[in-house]
Amino acid sequence: MSRSIVQTESAPKAIGPYSQAIVANGFVFCSGQIPLDPATGALVAGGIEEQTHQVLKNLSAVLLAAGASLGQVVKTTVFLQSMGDFTAMNAIYAAYFTLNPPGRSTVEVAKLPRAALVEIEAVAVL
């Protein structure tokens, strides 16, 4: 099995013992991204819309470093601190996945790292 670690300065550094992504057997397995500014490591200001934009920018940067793009994503999991943010998150998400969107699960969780409102993980095919 081929396996390589993906690391980019264009996305937030891992805040724990994990990789930003792993490429294995033609797939990219992206760790969950939260709305951290990669330059400062701080949570972006604003609500669910701003946070969702930043999460998807971070995810795009990790995918690019792996040789992929959002267009190659086959599955995402969205974690929301409140399902009340679903409609607003979904509107932003839809702008990033315009053609042939991937499969997706969305769940409400009790808490996210750094008190983020949203986290998204993804699997892409190379």
Protein backbone atom coordinates (compact mmCIF):
# COMPACT_ATOMS: atom_id res chain seq x y z
CA MET A 1 0.00 0.00 0.00
CA SER A 2 1.32 3.42 -0.92
CA ARG A 3 0.84 6.04 1.78
CA SER A 4 2.13 9.60 2.09
CA ILE A 5 1.54 12.47 4.46
CA VAL A 6 0.27 15.81 3.15
CA GLN A 7 1.56 18.98 4.80
CA THR A 8 1.03 22.56 3.63
CA GLU A 9 1.62 25.96 5.18
CA SER A 10 -1.44 27.20 3.23
CA ALA A 11 -3.73 25.52 5.76
CA PRO A 12 -3.65 25.51 9.57
CA LYS A 13 -1.08 23.27 11.17
CA ALA A 14 -2.43 20.19 12.89
CA ILE A 15 -3.27 20.99 16.51
CA GLY A 16 -2.79 17.42 17.63
CA PRO A 17 -1.16 14.11 16.68
CA TYR A 18 -2.60 13.85 13.18
CA SER A 19 -1.78 14.82 9.59
CA GLN A 20 -3.59 17.42 7.51
CA ALA A 21 -4.23 14.58 5.05
CA ILE A 22 -2.98 11.18 3.98
CA VAL A 23 -2.75 10.01 0.38
CA ALA A 24 -3.26 6.26 0.12
CA ASN A 25 -4.03 4.06 -2.88
CA GLY A 26 -5.37 6.87 -5.05
CA PHE A 27 -7.45 8.55 -2.35
CA VAL A 28 -6.89 11.65 -0.24
CA PHE A 29 -8.19 11.40 3.32
CA CYS A 30 -8.41 14.94 4.71
CA SER A 31 -8.58 15.54 8.43
CA GLY A 32 -11.34 17.81 9.62
CA GLN A 33 -10.67 21.47 9.02
CA ILE A 34 -11.90 24.15 11.39
CA PRO A 35 -12.03 27.89 10.63
CA LEU A 36 -8.50 28.82 11.62
CA ASP A 37 -6.56 31.45 9.72
CA PRO A 38 -3.44 29.60 8.51
CA ALA A 39 -1.26 32.71 8.96
CA THR A 40 -2.19 33.41 12.57
CA GLY A 41 -3.66 30.15 13.86
CA ALA A 42 -6.60 32.16 15.23
CA LEU A 43 -10.28 31.40 14.74
CA VAL A 44 -11.68 33.70 12.03
CA ALA A 45 -14.05 36.42 13.15
CA GLY A 46 -17.71 36.18 12.27
CA GLY A 47 -20.49 33.65 12.27
CA ILE A 48 -21.25 30.43 10.46
CA GLU A 49 -20.93 31.96 6.98
CA GLU A 50 -17.42 33.30 7.54
CA GLN A 51 -16.38 30.15 9.33
CA THR A 52 -17.71 27.88 6.58
CA HIS A 53 -15.83 29.90 3.93
CA GLN A 54 -12.58 29.58 5.89
CA VAL A 55 -13.05 25.85 6.48
CA LEU A 56 -13.57 25.26 2.76
CA LYS A 57 -10.56 27.44 1.87
CA ASN A 58 -8.46 25.40 4.30
CA LEU A 59 -9.78 22.15 2.89
CA SER A 60 -9.05 23.36 -0.66
CA ALA A 61 -5.45 24.17 0.33
CA VAL A 62 -4.91 20.71 1.79
CA LEU A 63 -6.40 19.07 -1.30
CA LEU A 64 -4.21 21.19 -3.58
CA ALA A 65 -1.12 20.12 -1.65
CA ALA A 66 -2.20 16.51 -2.22
CA GLY A 67 -2.65 17.08 -5.96
CA ALA A 68 -6.45 17.22 -5.86
CA SER A 69 -9.27 19.75 -5.70
CA LEU A 70 -12.77 20.11 -4.30
CA GLY A 71 -14.03 18.77 -7.64
CA GLN A 72 -12.46 15.41 -6.81
CA VAL A 73 -14.10 15.08 -3.40
CA VAL A 74 -16.35 12.03 -3.17
CA LYS A 75 -17.47 12.31 0.49
CA THR A 76 -17.59 14.95 3.19
CA THR A 77 -18.68 14.96 6.77
CA VAL A 78 -19.85 18.28 8.22
CA PHE A 79 -19.86 18.75 11.97
CA LEU A 80 -22.00 21.64 13.23
CA GLN A 81 -22.03 23.00 16.75
CA SER A 82 -25.73 23.78 16.12
CA MET A 83 -28.05 22.29 13.52
CA GLY A 84 -29.68 25.73 13.57
CA ASP A 85 -26.73 26.82 11.37
CA PHE A 86 -27.49 24.18 8.72
CA THR A 87 -29.23 26.44 6.18
CA ALA A 88 -26.54 29.13 6.30
CA MET A 89 -23.71 26.58 6.15
CA ASN A 90 -25.41 24.75 3.30
CA ALA A 91 -25.69 27.92 1.20
CA ILE A 92 -21.94 28.55 1.48
CA TYR A 93 -21.10 24.86 0.98
CA ALA A 94 -23.22 24.76 -2.21
CA ALA A 95 -21.13 27.58 -3.73
CA TYR A 96 -17.98 25.42 -3.40
CA PHE A 97 -19.54 22.19 -4.70
CA THR A 98 -21.49 23.37 -7.73
CA LEU A 99 -21.27 20.39 -10.11
CA ASN A 100 -21.75 16.80 -9.04
CA PRO A 101 -21.50 17.45 -5.30
CA PRO A 102 -20.02 14.68 -3.16
CA GLY A 103 -21.87 12.44 -0.77
CA ARG A 104 -22.25 14.13 2.59
CA SER A 105 -23.22 13.54 6.18
CA THR A 106 -24.02 16.44 8.51
CA VAL A 107 -24.20 16.00 12.24
CA GLU A 108 -24.63 18.24 15.25
CA VAL A 109 -21.98 17.85 17.92
CA ALA A 110 -21.70 19.09 21.49
CA LYS A 111 -18.41 20.96 20.93
CA LEU A 112 -15.72 21.49 18.33
CA PRO A 113 -12.05 22.38 18.84
CA ARG A 114 -11.40 26.04 19.69
CA ALA A 115 -15.18 26.63 19.99
CA ALA A 116 -15.56 26.54 16.19
CA LEU A 117 -19.07 26.49 14.75
CA VAL A 118 -18.20 24.10 11.90
CA GLU A 119 -15.67 21.44 10.93
CA ILE A 120 -15.52 19.57 7.62
CA GLU A 121 -13.54 16.47 6.67
CA ALA A 122 -13.31 15.01 3.18
CA VAL A 123 -12.23 12.08 1.06
CA ALA A 124 -11.15 12.75 -2.53
CA VAL A 125 -10.06 10.54 -5.40
CA LEU A 126 -6.90 11.34 -7.34
